[in-house]
C-alpha atoms as a PDB file:
ATOM      1  CA  MET A   1      25.043 160.621 143.457  1.00  0.00           C
ATOM      2  CA  THR A   2      25.620 162.126 146.909  1.00  0.00           C
ATOM      3  CA  LEU A   3      23.187 160.310 149.199  1.00  0.00           C
ATOM      4  CA  LYS A   4      24.781 159.084 152.406  1.00  0.00           C
ATOM      5  CA  ARG A   5      25.315 155.326 152.532  1.00  0.00           C
ATOM      6  CA  PRO A   6      22.438 154.339 154.910  1.00  0.00           C
ATOM      7  CA  ILE A   7      19.913 156.345 152.905  1.00  0.00           C
ATOM      8  CA  GLN A   8      21.251 154.955 149.639  1.00  0.00           C
ATOM      9  CA  MET A   9      21.052 151.387 150.958  1.00  0.00           C
ATOM     10  CA  CYS A  10      17.402 151.934 151.944  1.00  0.00           C
ATOM     11  CA  VAL A  11      16.554 153.338 148.511  1.00  0.00           C
ATOM     12  CA  PHE A  12      18.252 150.442 146.716  1.00  0.00           C
ATOM     13  CA  ALA A  13      16.594 147.874 149.012  1.00  0.00           C
ATOM     14  CA  PHE A  14      13.170 149.381 148.355  1.00  0.00           C
ATOM     15  CA  LEU A  15      13.588 149.504 144.564  1.00  0.00           C
ATOM     16  CA  GLN A  16      15.349 146.170 144.116  1.00  0.00           C
ATOM     17  CA  ILE A  17      13.827 143.971 146.837  1.00  0.00           C
ATOM     18  CA  ILE A  18      10.717 145.351 148.555  1.00  0.00           C
ATOM     19  CA  LEU A  19       8.907 146.818 145.546  1.00  0.00           C
ATOM     20  CA  PRO A  20       9.432 143.771 143.271  1.00  0.00           C
ATOM     21  CA  ILE A  21       8.210 141.416 146.032  1.00  0.00           C
ATOM     22  CA  TYR A  22       5.179 143.671 146.538  1.00  0.00           C
ATOM     23  CA  LEU A  23       4.406 143.503 142.804  1.00  0.00           C
ATOM     24  CA  ILE A  24       4.793 139.719 142.759  1.00  0.00           C
ATOM     25  CA  TYR A  25       2.448 139.389 145.743  1.00  0.00           C
ATOM     26  CA  ASN A  26      -0.171 141.700 144.223  1.00  0.00           C
ATOM     27  CA  SER A  27       0.003 139.853 140.910  1.00  0.00           C
ATOM     28  CA  ILE A  28      -1.245 136.648 142.491  1.00  0.00           C
ATOM     29  CA  ALA A  29      -3.066 137.686 145.687  1.00  0.00           C
ATOM     30  CA  ASN A  30      -5.502 140.361 144.499  1.00  0.00           C
ATOM     31  CA  SER A  31      -8.947 139.493 143.199  1.00  0.00           C
ATOM     32  CA  TYR A  32     -10.960 141.574 140.740  1.00  0.00           C
ATOM     33  CA  ASP A  33     -14.633 141.678 139.798  1.00  0.00           C
ATOM     34  CA  THR A  34     -14.379 143.030 136.251  1.00  0.00           C
ATOM     35  CA  ILE A  35     -12.299 142.194 133.206  1.00  0.00           C
ATOM     36  CA  PHE A  36     -11.342 145.868 132.750  1.00  0.00           C
ATOM     37  CA  ILE A  37      -9.866 146.263 136.236  1.00  0.00           C
ATOM     38  CA  PHE A  38      -8.107 142.886 135.976  1.00  0.00           C
ATOM     39  CA  ILE A  39      -6.379 144.001 132.768  1.00  0.00           C
ATOM     40  CA  VAL A  40      -5.486 147.439 134.144  1.00  0.00           C
ATOM     41  CA  ASN A  41      -3.962 146.168 137.389  1.00  0.00           C
ATOM     42  CA  ASN A  42      -2.010 143.281 135.926  1.00  0.00           C
ATOM     43  CA  SER A  43      -0.749 145.428 133.057  1.00  0.00           C
ATOM     44  CA  LEU A  44       0.409 147.925 135.668  1.00  0.00           C
ATOM     45  CA  HIS A  45       2.225 145.205 137.635  1.00  0.00           C
ATOM     46  CA  ILE A  46       4.051 143.988 134.532  1.00  0.00           C
ATOM     47  CA  LEU A  47       4.940 147.460 133.216  1.00  0.00           C
ATOM     48  CA  SER A  48       6.120 148.800 136.561  1.00  0.00           C
ATOM     49  CA  MET A  49       8.290 145.693 137.058  1.00  0.00           C
ATOM     50  CA  TYR A  50       9.646 146.112 133.536  1.00  0.00           C
ATOM     51  CA  PHE A  51      10.454 149.744 134.334  1.00  0.00           C
ATOM     52  CA  ILE A  52      12.390 148.571 137.410  1.00  0.00           C
ATOM     53  CA  PHE A  53      14.029 145.851 135.287  1.00  0.00           C
ATOM     54  CA  LEU A  54      15.322 148.439 132.812  1.00  0.00           C
ATOM     55  CA  SER A  55      16.213 151.400 135.011  1.00  0.00           C
ATOM     56  CA  VAL A  56      17.390 150.305 138.472  1.00  0.00           C
ATOM     57  CA  TYR A  57      21.067 149.951 139.509  1.00  0.00           C
ATOM     58  CA  TRP A  58      21.096 146.158 139.749  1.00  0.00           C
ATOM     59  CA  GLU A  59      24.825 146.189 140.463  1.00  0.00           C
ATOM     60  CA  ASN A  60      24.097 146.997 144.113  1.00  0.00           C
ATOM     61  CA  PHE A  61      22.552 143.629 145.030  1.00  0.00           C
ATOM     62  CA  ASN A  62      22.614 141.082 142.230  1.00  0.00           C
ATOM     63  CA  TYR A  63      22.287 141.547 138.483  1.00  0.00           C
ATOM     64  CA  TYR A  64      20.261 138.378 137.958  1.00  0.00           C
ATOM     65  CA  LEU A  65      17.584 139.385 140.477  1.00  0.00           C
ATOM     66  CA  ARG A  66      16.092 141.550 137.733  1.00  0.00           C
ATOM     67  CA  TYR A  67      15.300 138.440 135.688  1.00  0.00           C
ATOM     68  CA  ILE A  68      14.016 136.460 138.686  1.00  0.00           C
ATOM     69  CA  PHE A  69      11.624 139.217 139.757  1.00  0.00           C
ATOM     70  CA  PHE A  70      10.385 140.065 136.259  1.00  0.00           C
ATOM     71  CA  ILE A  71       9.729 136.416 135.332  1.00  0.00           C
ATOM     72  CA  SER A  72       8.013 135.901 138.711  1.00  0.00           C
ATOM     73  CA  VAL A  73       5.589 138.754 138.006  1.00  0.00           C
ATOM     74  CA  ILE A  74       4.782 137.233 134.586  1.00  0.00           C
ATOM     75  CA  ILE A  75       4.218 133.770 136.091  1.00  0.00           C
ATOM     76  CA  CYS A  76       2.044 135.085 138.936  1.00  0.00           C
ATOM     77  CA  THR A  77      -0.013 137.115 136.477  1.00  0.00           C
ATOM     78  CA  GLY A  78      -0.536 133.970 134.408  1.00  0.00           C
ATOM     79  CA  ILE A  79      -1.661 132.028 137.482  1.00  0.00           C
ATOM     80  CA  SER A  80      -4.100 134.784 138.449  1.00  0.00           C
ATOM     81  CA  LEU A  81      -5.501 134.718 134.898  1.00  0.00           C
ATOM     82  CA  PHE A  82      -6.396 131.034 135.215  1.00  0.00           C
ATOM     83  CA  ARG A  83      -8.070 131.670 138.583  1.00  0.00           C
ATOM     84  CA  PHE A  84      -9.917 134.796 137.465  1.00  0.00           C
ATOM     85  CA  GLU A  85     -13.709 134.639 137.294  1.00  0.00           C
ATOM     86  CA  ALA A  86     -15.234 137.805 135.929  1.00  0.00           C
ATOM     87  CA  LYS A  87     -18.532 139.074 137.278  1.00  0.00           C
ATOM     88  CA  ALA A  88     -18.734 141.778 134.617  1.00  0.00           C
ATOM     89  CA  VAL A  89     -16.743 143.389 131.836  1.00  0.00           C
ATOM     90  CA  PHE A  90     -16.845 146.890 133.292  1.00  0.00           C
ATOM     91  CA  SER A  91     -18.103 148.645 136.421  1.00  0.00           C
ATOM     92  CA  TYR A  92     -18.025 152.372 137.245  1.00  0.00           C
ATOM     93  CA  LYS A  93     -17.746 151.526 140.922  1.00  0.00           C
ATOM     94  CA  ASP A  94     -14.557 149.523 140.316  1.00  0.00           C
ATOM     95  CA  VAL A  95     -13.161 152.331 138.166  1.00  0.00           C
ATOM     96  CA  ILE A  96     -13.567 154.799 141.022  1.00  0.00           C
ATOM     97  CA  GLU A  97     -12.035 152.382 143.532  1.00  0.00           C
ATOM     98  CA  ASP A  98      -9.034 151.680 141.276  1.00  0.00           C
ATOM     99  CA  ILE A  99      -8.588 155.164 139.836  1.00  0.00           C
ATOM    100  CA  ASP A 100      -4.946 155.221 141.019  1.00  0.00           C
ATOM    101  CA  ALA A 101      -4.080 152.194 138.877  1.00  0.00           C
ATOM    102  CA  ILE A 102      -5.923 153.661 135.884  1.00  0.00           C
ATOM    103  CA  ILE A 103      -3.897 156.881 136.197  1.00  0.00           C
ATOM    104  CA  LEU A 104      -0.552 155.137 136.779  1.00  0.00           C
ATOM    105  CA  LEU A 105      -0.842 152.737 133.831  1.00  0.00           C
ATOM    106  CA  PRO A 106      -0.360 155.353 131.043  1.00  0.00           C
ATOM    107  CA  VAL A 107       2.427 156.951 133.109  1.00  0.00           C
ATOM    108  CA  PHE A 108       4.394 153.705 133.122  1.00  0.00           C
ATOM    109  CA  ILE A 109       3.641 153.117 129.438  1.00  0.00           C
ATOM    110  CA  VAL A 110       5.271 156.473 128.637  1.00  0.00           C
ATOM    111  CA  LEU A 111       8.219 155.818 130.979  1.00  0.00           C
ATOM    112  CA  VAL A 112       8.957 152.396 129.488  1.00  0.00           C
ATOM    113  CA  ILE A 113       8.751 153.693 125.900  1.00  0.00           C
ATOM    114  CA  ASN A 114      11.026 156.594 126.882  1.00  0.00           C
ATOM    115  CA  ILE A 115      13.636 154.208 128.325  1.00  0.00           C
ATOM    116  CA  ILE A 116      13.503 151.859 125.342  1.00  0.00           C
ATOM    117  CA  LEU A 117      14.042 154.757 122.924  1.00  0.00           C
ATOM    118  CA  SER A 118      16.910 156.186 124.990  1.00  0.00           C
ATOM    119  CA  LYS A 119      18.657 152.813 125.130  1.00  0.00           C
ATOM    120  CA  HIS A 120      18.160 151.508 121.626  1.00  0.00           C
ATOM    121  CA  GLN A 121      17.583 154.392 119.226  1.00  0.00           C
ATOM    122  CA  LYS A 122      20.787 154.937 117.305  1.00  0.00           C
ATOM    123  CA  HIS A 123      21.642 157.948 115.227  1.00  0.00           C
ATOM    124  CA  LYS A 124      21.812 157.345 111.491  1.00  0.00           C
ATOM    125  CA  LYS A 125      25.595 157.465 111.794  1.00  0.00           C
ATOM    126  CA  ILE A 126      27.699 156.353 114.751  1.00  0.00           C
ATOM    127  CA  ASP A 127      30.645 158.719 114.761  1.00  0.00           C
ATOM    128  CA  ILE A 128      33.248 156.561 116.458  1.00  0.00           C
ATOM    129  CA  ASP A 129      33.816 152.937 117.434  1.00  0.00           C
ATOM    130  CA  LEU A 130      36.082 152.176 120.393  1.00  0.00           C
ATOM    131  CA  SER A 131      37.607 148.915 121.511  1.00  0.00           C
ATOM    132  CA  PHE A 132      36.492 147.769 124.946  1.00  0.00           C
ATOM    133  CA  PRO A 133      38.971 149.188 127.511  1.00  0.00           C
ATOM    134  CA  PHE A 134      39.433 145.904 129.427  1.00  0.00           C
ATOM    135  CA  LYS A 135      41.078 142.750 128.139  1.00  0.00           C
ATOM    136  CA  GLU A 136      39.269 139.993 130.022  1.00  0.00           C
ATOM    137  CA  GLY A 137      36.360 139.368 132.370  1.00  0.00           C
ATOM    138  CA  LYS A 138      32.649 140.157 132.606  1.00  0.00           C
ATOM    139  CA  TYR A 139      31.449 143.750 132.845  1.00  0.00           C
ATOM    140  CA  LEU A 140      28.216 145.660 133.338  1.00  0.00           C
ATOM    141  CA  ILE A 141      27.204 148.988 131.845  1.00  0.00           C
ATOM    142  CA  ALA A 142      25.909 150.762 134.963  1.00  0.00           C
ATOM    143  CA  GLU A 143      24.963 153.936 133.070  1.00  0.00           C
ATOM    144  CA  GLY A 144      24.533 154.252 129.332  1.00  0.00           C
ATOM    145  CA  GLY A 145      22.176 155.438 126.643  1.00  0.00           C
ATOM    146  CA  ASP A 146      20.888 158.815 125.534  1.00  0.00           C
ATOM    147  CA  GLY A 147      20.760 160.861 128.736  1.00  0.00           C
ATOM    148  CA  LYS A 148      18.910 163.672 126.992  1.00  0.00           C
ATOM    149  CA  LYS A 149      15.993 161.338 126.318  1.00  0.00           C
ATOM    150  CA  SER A 150      15.868 159.592 129.691  1.00  0.00           C
ATOM    151  CA  PHE A 151      17.351 160.284 133.122  1.00  0.00           C
ATOM    152  CA  PHE A 152      16.515 156.728 134.136  1.00  0.00           C
ATOM    153  CA  THR A 153      19.071 155.115 131.824  1.00  0.00           C
ATOM    154  CA  ASN A 154      21.800 157.741 132.002  1.00  0.00           C
ATOM    155  CA  TYR A 155      21.803 160.370 134.745  1.00  0.00           C
ATOM    156  CA  HIS A 156      24.903 162.217 133.467  1.00  0.00           C
ATOM    157  CA  TYR A 157      23.077 164.621 131.156  1.00  0.00           C
ATOM    158  CA  LYS A 158      20.390 165.867 133.558  1.00  0.00           C
ATOM    159  CA  PHE A 159      22.339 165.685 136.818  1.00  0.00           C
ATOM    160  CA  LYS A 160      22.405 169.190 138.315  1.00  0.00           C
ATOM    161  CA  ASP A 161      26.154 169.178 139.026  1.00  0.00           C
ATOM    162  CA  HIS A 162      26.809 168.573 135.319  1.00  0.00           C
ATOM    163  CA  ALA A 163      24.652 171.495 134.164  1.00  0.00           C
ATOM    164  CA  LYS A 164      27.515 173.593 132.757  1.00  0.00           C
ATOM    165  CA  TRP A 165      28.764 170.823 130.461  1.00  0.00           C
ATOM    166  CA  LYS A 166      25.713 168.591 130.157  1.00  0.00           C
ATOM    167  CA  GLU A 167      25.855 168.463 126.336  1.00  0.00           C
ATOM    168  CA  SER A 168      29.237 166.752 126.559  1.00  0.00           C
ATOM    169  CA  MET A 169      27.769 164.190 129.007  1.00  0.00           C
ATOM    170  CA  ARG A 170      24.838 163.085 126.852  1.00  0.00           C
ATOM    171  CA  TYR A 171      26.232 159.621 126.019  1.00  0.00           C
ATOM    172  CA  ALA A 172      28.618 159.136 128.961  1.00  0.00           C
ATOM    173  CA  VAL A 173      29.038 155.557 130.184  1.00  0.00           C
ATOM    174  CA  ASP A 174      29.917 154.016 133.569  1.00  0.00           C
ATOM    175  CA  ILE A 175      31.348 150.483 133.648  1.00  0.00           C
ATOM    176  CA  VAL A 176      31.710 148.054 136.572  1.00  0.00           C
ATOM    177  CA  LYS A 177      32.945 144.459 136.748  1.00  0.00           C
ATOM    178  CA  ILE A 178      30.568 141.590 137.454  1.00  0.00           C
ATOM    179  CA  ASN A 179      31.271 137.985 138.444  1.00  0.00           C
ATOM    180  CA  SER A 180      29.680 134.837 137.005  1.00  0.00           C
ATOM    181  CA  ILE A 181      26.816 134.808 139.539  1.00  0.00           C
ATOM    182  CA  GLY A 182      25.842 138.468 139.155  1.00  0.00           C
ATOM    183  CA  PHE A 183      27.685 140.315 141.925  1.00  0.00           C
ATOM    184  CA  THR A 184      29.874 143.393 141.395  1.00  0.00           C
ATOM    185  CA  MET A 185      31.231 143.624 144.942  1.00  0.00           C
ATOM    186  CA  ASP A 186      31.813 141.632 148.131  1.00  0.00           C
ATOM    187  CA  GLY A 187      28.976 142.584 150.471  1.00  0.00           C
ATOM    188  CA  ILE A 188      26.288 145.244 150.102  1.00  0.00           C
ATOM    189  CA  ILE A 189      27.746 148.656 149.255  1.00  0.00           C
ATOM    190  CA  PRO A 190      31.017 148.077 151.190  1.00  0.00           C
ATOM    191  CA  LEU A 191      33.092 151.024 152.407  1.00  0.00           C
ATOM    192  CA  ASN A 192      36.361 149.495 151.175  1.00  0.00           C
ATOM    193  CA  ASN A 193      37.309 150.154 147.533  1.00  0.00           C
ATOM    194  CA  GLU A 194      39.083 146.800 147.329  1.00  0.00           C
ATOM    195  CA  LYS A 195      35.748 145.005 147.827  1.00  0.00           C
ATOM    196  CA  TYR A 196      34.633 146.152 144.371  1.00  0.00           C
ATOM    197  CA  TYR A 197      35.695 143.705 141.672  1.00  0.00           C
ATOM    198  CA  ILE A 198      36.683 146.397 139.181  1.00  0.00           C
ATOM    199  CA  PHE A 199      39.047 148.181 141.593  1.00  0.00           C
ATOM    200  CA  LYS A 200      42.659 148.189 140.295  1.00  0.00           C
ATOM    201  CA  GLN A 201      41.542 146.540 137.058  1.00  0.00           C
ATOM    202  CA  GLU A 202      43.921 147.480 134.232  1.00  0.00           C
ATOM    203  CA  VAL A 203      42.536 149.884 131.609  1.00  0.00           C
ATOM    204  CA  TYR A 204      43.708 149.836 127.994  1.00  0.00           C
ATOM    205  CA  CYS A 205      43.529 152.496 125.300  1.00  0.00           C
ATOM    206  CA  PRO A 206      40.371 152.136 123.162  1.00  0.00           C
ATOM    207  CA  ILE A 207      41.716 153.981 120.083  1.00  0.00           C
ATOM    208  CA  ASP A 208      44.877 155.235 118.397  1.00  0.00           C
ATOM    209  CA  GLY A 209      45.483 158.888 119.182  1.00  0.00           C
ATOM    210  CA  ILE A 210      47.383 161.621 120.985  1.00  0.00           C
ATOM    211  CA  VAL A 211      47.417 161.949 124.776  1.00  0.00           C
ATOM    212  CA  TYR A 212      45.677 165.295 125.263  1.00  0.00           C
ATOM    213  CA  GLU A 213      45.539 165.441 129.073  1.00  0.00           C
ATOM    214  CA  VAL A 214      46.718 163.405 132.071  1.00  0.00           C
ATOM    215  CA  ILE A 215      45.817 163.788 135.760  1.00  0.00           C
ATOM    216  CA  ASN A 216      47.398 161.228 138.084  1.00  0.00           C
ATOM    217  CA  ASN A 217      47.591 162.603 141.660  1.00  0.00           C
ATOM    218  CA  VAL A 218      44.059 162.490 143.122  1.00  0.00           C
ATOM    219  CA  GLU A 219      43.299 160.341 146.172  1.00  0.00           C
ATOM    220  CA  ASN A 220      40.483 157.776 146.194  1.00  0.00           C
ATOM    221  CA  ASN A 221      37.125 158.389 147.861  1.00  0.00           C
ATOM    222  CA  ILE A 222      35.483 156.201 150.489  1.00  0.00           C
ATOM    223  CA  PRO A 223      32.613 154.477 148.610  1.00  0.00           C
ATOM    224  CA  TYR A 224      29.157 156.007 149.113  1.00  0.00           C
ATOM    225  CA  SER A 225      30.442 158.437 151.748  1.00  0.00           C
ATOM    226  CA  GLY A 226      28.914 161.458 150.017  1.00  0.00           C
ATOM    227  CA  ASN A 227      32.246 163.295 150.339  1.00  0.00           C
ATOM    228  CA  TYR A 228      33.541 163.461 146.786  1.00  0.00           C
ATOM    229  CA  LEU A 229      35.921 165.855 145.083  1.00  0.00           C
ATOM    230  CA  ARG A 230      34.629 167.765 142.082  1.00  0.00           C
ATOM    231  CA  GLY A 231      35.825 166.783 138.649  1.00  0.00           C
ATOM    232  CA  ILE A 232      36.634 163.430 137.095  1.00  0.00           C
ATOM    233  CA  GLY A 233      39.654 162.628 139.274  1.00  0.00           C
ATOM    234  CA  ASN A 234      42.618 160.829 137.786  1.00  0.00           C
ATOM    235  CA  HIS A 235      42.009 160.556 134.075  1.00  0.00           C
ATOM    236  CA  VAL A 236      43.411 160.351 130.578  1.00  0.00           C
ATOM    237  CA  ILE A 237      41.999 162.147 127.544  1.00  0.00           C
ATOM    238  CA  ILE A 238      42.902 160.796 124.104  1.00  0.00           C
ATOM    239  CA  LYS A 239      42.521 163.070 121.060  1.00  0.00           C
ATOM    240  CA  LYS A 240      41.629 161.599 117.679  1.00  0.00           C
ATOM    241  CA  ASP A 241      41.011 164.295 115.069  1.00  0.00           C
ATOM    242  CA  ASN A 242      38.374 166.498 116.783  1.00  0.00           C
ATOM    243  CA  TYR A 243      37.175 163.708 119.070  1.00  0.00           C
ATOM    244  CA  PHE A 244      38.219 163.578 122.720  1.00  0.00           C
ATOM    245  CA  ILE A 245      37.923 160.197 124.436  1.00  0.00           C
ATOM    246  CA  ILE A 246      37.821 160.445 128.245  1.00  0.00           C
ATOM    247  CA  LEU A 247      38.651 157.619 130.668  1.00  0.00           C
ATOM    248  CA  ALA A 248      38.158 158.750 134.246  1.00  0.00           C
ATOM    249  CA  HIS A 249      38.153 157.897 137.982  1.00  0.00           C
ATOM    250  CA  LEU A 250      41.475 156.080 137.730  1.00  0.00           C
ATOM    251  CA  GLU A 251      43.799 155.010 140.542  1.00  0.00           C
ATOM    252  CA  LYS A 252      46.447 157.469 141.730  1.00  0.00           C
ATOM    253  CA  ASN A 253      49.979 157.016 140.318  1.00  0.00           C
ATOM    254  CA  THR A 254      49.040 154.240 137.886  1.00  0.00           C
ATOM    255  CA  VAL A 255      49.159 156.357 134.714  1.00  0.00           C
ATOM    256  CA  ASN A 256      52.595 156.718 133.095  1.00  0.00           C
ATOM    257  CA  LEU A 257      51.614 158.691 130.015  1.00  0.00           C
ATOM    258  CA  ILE A 258      52.864 162.106 128.963  1.00  0.00           C
ATOM    259  CA  LYS A 259      50.789 164.834 127.357  1.00  0.00           C
ATOM    260  CA  GLY A 260      51.431 164.959 123.625  1.00  0.00           C
ATOM    261  CA  GLN A 261      52.680 161.407 123.192  1.00  0.00           C
ATOM    262  CA  TYR A 262      51.144 159.064 120.640  1.00  0.00           C
ATOM    263  CA  ILE A 263      49.349 156.016 122.054  1.00  0.00           C
ATOM    264  CA  ASN A 264      48.193 152.919 120.209  1.00  0.00           C
ATOM    265  CA  LYS A 265      44.939 151.101 120.702  1.00  0.00           C
ATOM    266  CA  GLY A 266      45.400 148.356 123.281  1.00  0.00           C
ATOM    267  CA  GLU A 267      48.263 150.018 125.155  1.00  0.00           C
ATOM    268  CA  TYR A 268      48.128 150.146 128.947  1.00  0.00           C
ATOM    269  CA  ILE A 269      46.666 153.372 130.382  1.00  0.00           C
ATOM    270  CA  GLY A 270      46.268 152.839 134.139  1.00  0.00           C
ATOM    271  CA  GLU A 271      44.134 151.127 136.778  1.00  0.00           C
ATOM    272  CA  ILE A 272      40.606 151.680 138.026  1.00  0.00           C
ATOM    273  CA  GLY A 273      40.289 153.785 141.169  1.00  0.00           C
ATOM    274  CA  ASN A 274      37.583 155.827 142.852  1.00  0.00           C
ATOM    275  CA  SER A 275      38.879 159.372 142.421  1.00  0.00           C
ATOM    276  CA  GLY A 276      37.047 162.596 141.661  1.00  0.00           C
ATOM    277  CA  TYR A 277      33.259 162.855 141.713  1.00  0.00           C
ATOM    278  CA  SER A 278      32.724 159.123 142.096  1.00  0.00           C
ATOM    279  CA  ASN A 279      30.733 157.110 144.634  1.00  0.00           C
ATOM    280  CA  ARG A 280      32.340 153.708 143.988  1.00  0.00           C
ATOM    281  CA  PRO A 281      35.110 152.256 141.796  1.00  0.00           C
ATOM    282  CA  HIS A 282      34.110 152.308 138.142  1.00  0.00           C
ATOM    283  CA  LEU A 283      35.312 153.506 134.769  1.00  0.00           C
ATOM    284  CA  HIS A 284      33.695 156.623 133.356  1.00  0.00           C
ATOM    285  CA  MET A 285      33.921 156.946 129.573  1.00  0.00           C
ATOM    286  CA  GLN A 286      32.650 159.579 127.199  1.00  0.00           C
ATOM    287  CA  VAL A 287      33.441 160.993 123.781  1.00  0.00           C
ATOM    288  CA  ILE A 288      33.254 164.710 123.031  1.00  0.00           C
ATOM    289  CA  TYR A 289      33.423 166.385 119.644  1.00  0.00           C
ATOM    290  CA  ASN A 290      34.923 169.872 119.759  1.00  0.00           C
ATOM    291  CA  ASP A 291      36.981 171.932 117.328  1.00  0.00           C
ATOM    292  CA  GLY A 292      37.646 174.662 119.919  1.00  0.00           C
ATOM    293  CA  SER A 293      39.831 175.061 123.011  1.00  0.00           C
ATOM    294  CA  ASN A 294      37.402 174.074 125.807  1.00  0.00           C
ATOM    295  CA  ILE A 295      36.513 170.446 125.168  1.00  0.00           C
ATOM    296  CA  TRP A 296      33.884 170.388 127.946  1.00  0.00           C
ATOM    297  CA  LYS A 297      31.757 172.802 125.943  1.00  0.00           C
ATOM    298  CA  GLY A 298      31.729 170.378 123.062  1.00  0.00           C
ATOM    299  CA  THR A 299      29.034 167.926 122.013  1.00  0.00           C
ATOM    300  CA  GLY A 300      28.665 164.485 123.510  1.00  0.00           C
ATOM    301  CA  VAL A 301      29.014 161.852 120.807  1.00  0.00           C
ATOM    302  CA  GLN A 302      27.202 158.541 120.594  1.00  0.00           C
ATOM    303  CA  PHE A 303      29.843 155.820 120.338  1.00  0.00           C
ATOM    304  CA  THR A 304      30.052 152.053 120.213  1.00  0.00           C
ATOM    305  CA  LEU A 305      32.265 149.591 122.090  1.00  0.00           C
ATOM    306  CA  ASN A 306      33.406 146.709 119.886  1.00  0.00           C
ATOM    307  CA  GLY A 307      30.591 147.640 117.510  1.00  0.00           C
ATOM    308  CA  LYS A 308      27.799 147.685 120.125  1.00  0.00           C
ATOM    309  CA  MET A 309      26.128 150.725 121.654  1.00  0.00           C
ATOM    310  CA  PRO A 310      26.650 150.581 125.454  1.00  0.00           C
ATOM    311  CA  VAL A 311      23.343 150.905 127.304  1.00  0.00           C
ATOM    312  CA  LYS A 312      22.357 150.580 130.944  1.00  0.00           C
ATOM    313  CA  ASN A 313      22.318 147.045 132.388  1.00  0.00           C
ATOM    314  CA  MET A 314      24.057 145.576 129.322  1.00  0.00           C
ATOM    315  CA  ARG A 315      26.442 142.757 130.250  1.00  0.00           C
ATOM    316  CA  ILE A 316      29.675 142.461 128.250  1.00  0.00           C
ATOM    317  CA  CYS A 317      31.913 139.383 128.313  1.00  0.00           C
ATOM    318  CA  ILE A 318      35.543 139.633 127.176  1.00  0.00           C
ATOM    319  CA  ASP A 319      37.416 136.337 126.709  1.00  0.00           C
END
């Protein structure tokens, strides 16, 4: 994403603070004359909050806010139900006055179903299982799921700058580190890479294979500056049969591997940086199947980490 930091902070604040508070307020403060309009509006409040719960980048403020806001909307809706006194079941006048809510409700139904399918619908066969690339700590899947089905859970596939190799990006995953109280960084979108908990975290090989490619000389970006180099920065690509496992946005001069060498699962690869087309420190992972020479024209493969499919806003704890 290339929004400048002030704009990005405003967008995140609106989606993760202002809009949820607005929904909570509306869930308890509004009064309705008919049962139909009561059901429509409160269903809309719950579904729109659930959409935010599933799709927003909760790493930017606090991961656990998603639960607080969603539960608050449910509780406020329950309170309004006990206070509700219907004057009628249905009124054409109320329908006209609340036509926006009536139109938005099916939209959010479709969006929520789309996200659920993109996050939880597995192929009949998962082609490859990888070990988690970190050895200890708590982590958050910031992007993950079937990007072809939903932009809201995984932007990689439909992002315009990935157009030439979007098929390889279909199941790409971004991982950040999270602490015990739900924060992934010190402060709100800090400009210092060292403020992000995952920065300089050691990365370990997720599978036995051959080192296919190594890049180790790219400088880090300033977080959320909007000035990012093209490409995936410092990275290692591991080849296993016709599968290519990519670990990207690493720290400069932390990778000591040589192209062509054999590497075992669990061996040290490098450290997390913020190099290449990256707006903050994180690990980018993807698996590509290709039997030709240009791996980026291959097919993105759905994979699992320690037997689980990584999907957006999933929290993973490694002891």
